[in-house]
C-alpha atoms as a PDB file:
ATOM      1  CA  UNK A   1       0.000   0.000   0.000  1.00  0.00           C
ATOM      2  CA  UNK A   2       2.762   2.427   0.967  1.00  0.00           C
ATOM      3  CA  UNK A   3       4.653   1.644  -2.265  1.00  0.00           C
ATOM      4  CA  UNK A   4       1.504   2.361  -4.291  1.00  0.00           C
ATOM      5  CA  UNK A   5       1.036   5.704  -2.547  1.00  0.00           C
ATOM      6  CA  UNK A   6       4.653   6.688  -3.252  1.00  0.00           C
ATOM      7  CA  UNK A   7       4.304   5.639  -6.896  1.00  0.00           C
ATOM      8  CA  UNK A   8       1.103   7.631  -7.341  1.00  0.00           C
ATOM      9  CA  UNK A   9       2.683  10.640  -5.662  1.00  0.00           C
ATOM     10  CA  UNK A  10       5.705  10.573  -7.970  1.00  0.00           C
ATOM     11  CA  UNK A  11       3.480  10.116 -10.997  1.00  0.00           C
ATOM     12  CA  UNK A  12       1.375  13.093  -9.961  1.00  0.00           C
ATOM     13  CA  UNK A  13       4.502  15.179  -9.418  1.00  0.00           C
ATOM     14  CA  UNK A  14       5.752  14.419 -12.919  1.00  0.00           C
ATOM     15  CA  UNK A  15       2.342  15.224 -14.359  1.00  0.00           C
ATOM     16  CA  UNK A  16       2.193  18.761 -12.916  1.00  0.00           C
ATOM     17  CA  UNK A  17       5.743  19.767 -13.902  1.00  0.00           C
ATOM     18  CA  UNK A  18       6.037  22.071 -16.904  1.00  0.00           C
ATOM     19  CA  UNK A  19       8.771  23.076 -19.367  1.00  0.00           C
ATOM     20  CA  UNK A  20       9.916  25.949 -17.168  1.00  0.00           C
ATOM     21  CA  UNK A  21      10.550  23.548 -14.290  1.00  0.00           C
ATOM     22  CA  UNK A  22      12.720  21.248 -16.405  1.00  0.00           C
ATOM     23  CA  UNK A  23      14.616  24.168 -17.932  1.00  0.00           C
ATOM     24  CA  UNK A  24      15.450  25.340 -14.424  1.00  0.00           C
ATOM     25  CA  UNK A  25      16.610  21.858 -13.486  1.00  0.00           C
ATOM     26  CA  UNK A  26      18.926  21.772 -16.508  1.00  0.00           C
ATOM     27  CA  UNK A  27      20.766  24.854 -15.235  1.00  0.00           C
ATOM     28  CA  UNK A  28      22.231  22.700 -12.466  1.00  0.00           C
ATOM     29  CA  UNK A  29      24.487  21.126 -15.079  1.00  0.00           C
ATOM     30  CA  UNK A  30      25.804  24.414 -16.521  1.00  0.00           C
ATOM     31  CA  UNK A  31      28.796  24.696 -14.247  1.00  0.00           C
ATOM     32  CA  UNK A  32      30.736  26.943 -16.631  1.00  0.00           C
ATOM     33  CA  UNK A  33      28.203  29.753 -16.425  1.00  0.00           C
ATOM     34  CA  UNK A  34      27.913  31.026 -12.892  1.00  0.00           C
ATOM     35  CA  UNK A  35      24.929  33.215 -13.680  1.00  0.00           C
ATOM     36  CA  UNK A  36      22.906  30.368 -15.228  1.00  0.00           C
ATOM     37  CA  UNK A  37      24.168  27.562 -13.054  1.00  0.00           C
ATOM     38  CA  UNK A  38      22.283  26.556  -9.951  1.00  0.00           C
ATOM     39  CA  UNK A  39      25.647  25.563  -8.499  1.00  0.00           C
ATOM     40  CA  UNK A  40      26.489  29.261  -8.141  1.00  0.00           C
ATOM     41  CA  UNK A  41      24.030  29.330  -5.265  1.00  0.00           C
ATOM     42  CA  UNK A  42      26.566  27.472  -3.162  1.00  0.00           C
ATOM     43  CA  UNK A  43      28.743  30.593  -3.315  1.00  0.00           C
ATOM     44  CA  UNK A  44      25.832  32.693  -2.058  1.00  0.00           C
ATOM     45  CA  UNK A  45      25.207  30.216   0.744  1.00  0.00           C
ATOM     46  CA  UNK A  46      28.837  30.232   1.868  1.00  0.00           C
ATOM     47  CA  UNK A  47      28.851  34.029   1.822  1.00  0.00           C
ATOM     48  CA  UNK A  48      26.263  33.894   4.587  1.00  0.00           C
ATOM     49  CA  UNK A  49      28.921  32.613   6.976  1.00  0.00           C
ATOM     50  CA  UNK A  50      31.133  35.602   6.149  1.00  0.00           C
ATOM     51  CA  UNK A  51      28.230  37.898   6.953  1.00  0.00           C
ATOM     52  CA  UNK A  52      27.515  36.117  10.229  1.00  0.00           C
ATOM     53  CA  UNK A  53      31.043  36.794  11.442  1.00  0.00           C
ATOM     54  CA  UNK A  54      30.136  40.487  11.608  1.00  0.00           C
ATOM     55  CA  UNK A  55      26.405  40.043  12.275  1.00  0.00           C
ATOM     56  CA  UNK A  56      26.015  36.941  14.495  1.00  0.00           C
ATOM     57  CA  UNK A  57      22.563  38.009  15.675  1.00  0.00           C
ATOM     58  CA  UNK A  58      21.276  38.327  12.139  1.00  0.00           C
ATOM     59  CA  UNK A  59      20.735  41.166   9.712  1.00  0.00           C
ATOM     60  CA  UNK A  60      16.955  41.367   9.719  1.00  0.00           C
ATOM     61  CA  UNK A  61      14.485  41.094   6.864  1.00  0.00           C
ATOM     62  CA  UNK A  62      16.198  41.377   3.456  1.00  0.00           C
ATOM     63  CA  UNK A  63      19.487  41.922   5.296  1.00  0.00           C
ATOM     64  CA  UNK A  64      21.336  39.578   2.960  1.00  0.00           C
ATOM     65  CA  UNK A  65      20.023  41.407  -0.111  1.00  0.00           C
ATOM     66  CA  UNK A  66      21.032  44.805   1.205  1.00  0.00           C
ATOM     67  CA  UNK A  67      24.531  43.808   2.340  1.00  0.00           C
ATOM     68  CA  UNK A  68      25.332  41.386  -0.489  1.00  0.00           C
ATOM     69  CA  UNK A  69      27.270  44.016  -2.535  1.00  0.00           C
ATOM     70  CA  UNK A  70      29.747  44.273   0.351  1.00  0.00           C
ATOM     71  CA  UNK A  71      30.530  40.562   0.269  1.00  0.00           C
ATOM     72  CA  UNK A  72      30.014  39.516  -3.357  1.00  0.00           C
ATOM     73  CA  UNK A  73      31.749  40.604  -6.553  1.00  0.00           C
ATOM     74  CA  UNK A  74      30.055  42.893  -9.049  1.00  0.00           C
ATOM     75  CA  UNK A  75      29.649  39.949 -11.402  1.00  0.00           C
ATOM     76  CA  UNK A  76      27.893  37.927  -8.709  1.00  0.00           C
ATOM     77  CA  UNK A  77      25.661  40.807  -7.685  1.00  0.00           C
ATOM     78  CA  UNK A  78      24.570  41.515 -11.247  1.00  0.00           C
ATOM     79  CA  UNK A  79      22.819  44.566 -12.697  1.00  0.00           C
ATOM     80  CA  UNK A  80      20.254  44.737  -9.890  1.00  0.00           C
ATOM     81  CA  UNK A  81      22.929  45.727  -7.393  1.00  0.00           C
ATOM     82  CA  UNK A  82      21.970  43.071  -4.847  1.00  0.00           C
ATOM     83  CA  UNK A  83      21.593  39.321  -4.576  1.00  0.00           C
ATOM     84  CA  UNK A  84      19.263  36.967  -2.731  1.00  0.00           C
ATOM     85  CA  UNK A  85      20.735  33.955  -0.948  1.00  0.00           C
ATOM     86  CA  UNK A  86      18.400  31.479  -2.712  1.00  0.00           C
ATOM     87  CA  UNK A  87      17.870  29.166   0.252  1.00  0.00           C
ATOM     88  CA  UNK A  88      15.295  29.318   3.015  1.00  0.00           C
ATOM     89  CA  UNK A  89      17.783  27.872   5.520  1.00  0.00           C
ATOM     90  CA  UNK A  90      20.451  30.475   4.822  1.00  0.00           C
ATOM     91  CA  UNK A  91      17.812  33.162   4.536  1.00  0.00           C
ATOM     92  CA  UNK A  92      16.698  32.307   8.046  1.00  0.00           C
ATOM     93  CA  UNK A  93      20.282  32.264   9.290  1.00  0.00           C
ATOM     94  CA  UNK A  94      21.051  35.650   7.744  1.00  0.00           C
ATOM     95  CA  UNK A  95      17.874  37.261   9.062  1.00  0.00           C
ATOM     96  CA  UNK A  96      17.551  35.892  12.610  1.00  0.00           C
ATOM     97  CA  UNK A  97      21.139  34.865  13.317  1.00  0.00           C
ATOM     98  CA  UNK A  98      22.656  31.798  14.941  1.00  0.00           C
ATOM     99  CA  UNK A  99      20.404  31.947  18.000  1.00  0.00           C
ATOM    100  CA  UNK A 100      17.201  32.271  16.005  1.00  0.00           C
ATOM    101  CA  UNK A 101      17.976  29.539  13.494  1.00  0.00           C
ATOM    102  CA  UNK A 102      19.157  27.302  16.337  1.00  0.00           C
ATOM    103  CA  UNK A 103      15.807  27.683  18.094  1.00  0.00           C
ATOM    104  CA  UNK A 104      14.028  26.989  14.799  1.00  0.00           C
ATOM    105  CA  UNK A 105      15.989  23.755  14.288  1.00  0.00           C
ATOM    106  CA  UNK A 106      15.278  22.671  17.870  1.00  0.00           C
ATOM    107  CA  UNK A 107      11.597  23.271  17.209  1.00  0.00           C
ATOM    108  CA  UNK A 108      11.718  21.181  14.023  1.00  0.00           C
ATOM    109  CA  UNK A 109      13.482  18.368  15.887  1.00  0.00           C
ATOM    110  CA  UNK A 110      10.841  18.466  18.642  1.00  0.00           C
ATOM    111  CA  UNK A 111       8.076  18.453  16.038  1.00  0.00           C
ATOM    112  CA  UNK A 112       9.597  15.405  14.342  1.00  0.00           C
ATOM    113  CA  UNK A 113       9.953  13.608  17.669  1.00  0.00           C
ATOM    114  CA  UNK A 114       6.360  14.127  18.782  1.00  0.00           C
ATOM    115  CA  UNK A 115       5.033  13.353  15.288  1.00  0.00           C
ATOM    116  CA  UNK A 116       6.912  10.066  15.289  1.00  0.00           C
ATOM    117  CA  UNK A 117       5.534   9.290  18.736  1.00  0.00           C
ATOM    118  CA  UNK A 118       2.008  10.124  17.569  1.00  0.00           C
ATOM    119  CA  UNK A 119       2.236   7.780  14.572  1.00  0.00           C
ATOM    120  CA  UNK A 120       3.543   4.982  16.758  1.00  0.00           C
ATOM    121  CA  UNK A 121       0.711   5.490  19.256  1.00  0.00           C
ATOM    122  CA  UNK A 122      -2.103   5.422  16.679  1.00  0.00           C
ATOM    123  CA  UNK A 123      -0.660   2.263  15.092  1.00  0.00           C
ATOM    124  CA  UNK A 124      -0.437   0.554  18.475  1.00  0.00           C
ATOM    125  CA  UNK A 125      -4.088   1.427  19.035  1.00  0.00           C
ATOM    126  CA  UNK A 126      -5.147   0.085  15.651  1.00  0.00           C
ATOM    127  CA  UNK A 127      -6.022   3.431  14.094  1.00  0.00           C
ATOM    128  CA  UNK A 128      -4.420   3.112  10.674  1.00  0.00           C
ATOM    129  CA  UNK A 129      -6.548   5.905   9.191  1.00  0.00           C
ATOM    130  CA  UNK A 130      -5.146   8.450  11.650  1.00  0.00           C
ATOM    131  CA  UNK A 131      -1.658   7.162  10.894  1.00  0.00           C
ATOM    132  CA  UNK A 132      -2.012   7.950   7.193  1.00  0.00           C
ATOM    133  CA  UNK A 133      -3.498  11.355   7.989  1.00  0.00           C
ATOM    134  CA  UNK A 134      -0.435  12.204  10.055  1.00  0.00           C
ATOM    135  CA  UNK A 135       1.834  10.735   7.397  1.00  0.00           C
ATOM    136  CA  UNK A 136       0.196  12.885   4.726  1.00  0.00           C
ATOM    137  CA  UNK A 137       0.735  16.022   6.805  1.00  0.00           C
ATOM    138  CA  UNK A 138       4.373  15.056   7.344  1.00  0.00           C
ATOM    139  CA  UNK A 139       4.918  14.396   3.638  1.00  0.00           C
ATOM    140  CA  UNK A 140       3.378  17.748   2.713  1.00  0.00           C
ATOM    141  CA  UNK A 141       5.658  19.524   5.179  1.00  0.00           C
ATOM    142  CA  UNK A 142       8.790  17.712   3.981  1.00  0.00           C
ATOM    143  CA  UNK A 143       7.786  18.301   0.356  1.00  0.00           C
ATOM    144  CA  UNK A 144       7.848  22.006   1.115  1.00  0.00           C
ATOM    145  CA  UNK A 145      11.148  21.989   2.990  1.00  0.00           C
ATOM    146  CA  UNK A 146      13.098  20.198   0.254  1.00  0.00           C
ATOM    147  CA  UNK A 147      12.521  22.720  -2.580  1.00  0.00           C
ATOM    148  CA  UNK A 148      12.694  25.548  -0.031  1.00  0.00           C
ATOM    149  CA  UNK A 149      16.400  24.678   0.222  1.00  0.00           C
ATOM    150  CA  UNK A 150      16.851  26.411  -3.140  1.00  0.00           C
ATOM    151  CA  UNK A 151      14.464  29.364  -2.829  1.00  0.00           C
ATOM    152  CA  UNK A 152      13.806  32.139  -0.309  1.00  0.00           C
ATOM    153  CA  UNK A 153      10.683  31.024   1.527  1.00  0.00           C
ATOM    154  CA  UNK A 154      11.655  31.199   5.191  1.00  0.00           C
ATOM    155  CA  UNK A 155       9.046  33.885   5.877  1.00  0.00           C
ATOM    156  CA  UNK A 156       6.384  32.410   3.588  1.00  0.00           C
ATOM    157  CA  UNK A 157       3.054  32.021   5.349  1.00  0.00           C
ATOM    158  CA  UNK A 158       2.510  28.505   4.007  1.00  0.00           C
ATOM    159  CA  UNK A 159       5.556  27.221   5.920  1.00  0.00           C
ATOM    160  CA  UNK A 160       4.000  28.079   9.256  1.00  0.00           C
ATOM    161  CA  UNK A 161       0.548  26.931   8.173  1.00  0.00           C
ATOM    162  CA  UNK A 162       2.019  23.496   7.439  1.00  0.00           C
ATOM    163  CA  UNK A 163       3.651  23.424  10.854  1.00  0.00           C
ATOM    164  CA  UNK A 164       0.319  24.395  12.397  1.00  0.00           C
ATOM    165  CA  UNK A 165      -1.582  21.734  10.431  1.00  0.00           C
ATOM    166  CA  UNK A 166       0.811  19.041  11.627  1.00  0.00           C
ATOM    167  CA  UNK A 167       0.501  20.250  15.215  1.00  0.00           C
ATOM    168  CA  UNK A 168      -3.286  20.179  14.927  1.00  0.00           C
ATOM    169  CA  UNK A 169      -3.114  16.630  13.567  1.00  0.00           C
ATOM    170  CA  UNK A 170      -0.939  15.549  16.492  1.00  0.00           C
ATOM    171  CA  UNK A 171      -3.381  17.190  18.895  1.00  0.00           C
ATOM    172  CA  UNK A 172      -6.474  15.605  17.329  1.00  0.00           C
ATOM    173  CA  UNK A 173      -5.134  12.114  16.624  1.00  0.00           C
ATOM    174  CA  UNK A 174      -2.718  11.643  19.521  1.00  0.00           C
ATOM    175  CA  UNK A 175      -2.805  14.034  22.463  1.00  0.00           C
ATOM    176  CA  UNK A 176      -6.573  14.301  22.914  1.00  0.00           C
ATOM    177  CA  UNK A 177      -7.324  10.561  22.465  1.00  0.00           C
ATOM    178  CA  UNK A 178      -4.469   9.591  24.765  1.00  0.00           C
ATOM    179  CA  UNK A 179      -5.667  12.023  27.421  1.00  0.00           C
ATOM    180  CA  UNK A 180      -9.197  10.667  27.161  1.00  0.00           C
ATOM    181  CA  UNK A 181      -7.932   7.092  27.402  1.00  0.00           C
ATOM    182  CA  UNK A 182      -6.027   7.936  30.588  1.00  0.00           C
ATOM    183  CA  UNK A 183      -9.039   9.706  32.120  1.00  0.00           C
ATOM    184  CA  UNK A 184     -11.375   6.824  31.249  1.00  0.00           C
ATOM    185  CA  UNK A 185      -9.073   4.330  32.856  1.00  0.00           C
ATOM    186  CA  UNK A 186     -10.680   3.210  36.121  1.00  0.00           C
ATOM    187  CA  UNK A 187      -8.740   3.099  39.408  1.00  0.00           C
ATOM    188  CA  UNK A 188      -9.186  -0.669  39.439  1.00  0.00           C
ATOM    189  CA  UNK A 189      -7.108  -0.909  36.280  1.00  0.00           C
ATOM    190  CA  UNK A 190      -4.287   1.057  37.894  1.00  0.00           C
ATOM    191  CA  UNK A 191      -3.092  -0.361  41.238  1.00  0.00           C
ATOM    192  CA  UNK A 192      -0.943   2.714  41.832  1.00  0.00           C
ATOM    193  CA  UNK A 193      -4.036   4.919  42.236  1.00  0.00           C
ATOM    194  CA  UNK A 194      -6.372   4.705  45.232  1.00  0.00           C
ATOM    195  CA  UNK A 195     -10.104   5.441  45.100  1.00  0.00           C
ATOM    196  CA  UNK A 196      -9.511   8.932  46.455  1.00  0.00           C
ATOM    197  CA  UNK A 197      -7.171   9.673  43.584  1.00  0.00           C
ATOM    198  CA  UNK A 198      -3.962   9.725  45.616  1.00  0.00           C
ATOM    199  CA  UNK A 199      -0.958   7.809  44.407  1.00  0.00           C
ATOM    200  CA  UNK A 200       0.315   5.089  46.651  1.00  0.00           C
ATOM    201  CA  UNK A 201       3.761   5.704  48.129  1.00  0.00           C
END
């Protein structure tokens, strides 16, 4: 079943791609042309670390764009006079600094941990439908994060909506049912709880 879902997902992804998408993907191979090549983005990413040496707490919204002429060559900056970092991760680092991006990563790790725990709990309780609901929310979130590695979408509203949707799913399918199951459990089923509700020493 899981293999079928993955196959259908990949087939759907190929169906919705257009010529512009594939032309952009082909630029990853043009290593000789730094302006056309997607590999040139690595230079922009590494420049973020140079900026953070002088601005460890971040440079604020569009800080990378404004300060890029001070760290990049005129050829890299181009005719616009500034350059975006082209990565949500490095955009976040440049805007909110080491402390901010560290907190964001800790939050993502905590979200992954509780989501994994929620899926395990619903499977143990025989609720496969809730498991696939949570899995779908996870896949949608990951599907956003992967392409966001190559575009500036750290402040996009949809990123935080996806986080919120996953949190709601965890609340509905895991936290609330587990709480109800604990409350419905009679004292007779738990020898560590007396009839008055006090725990035995």
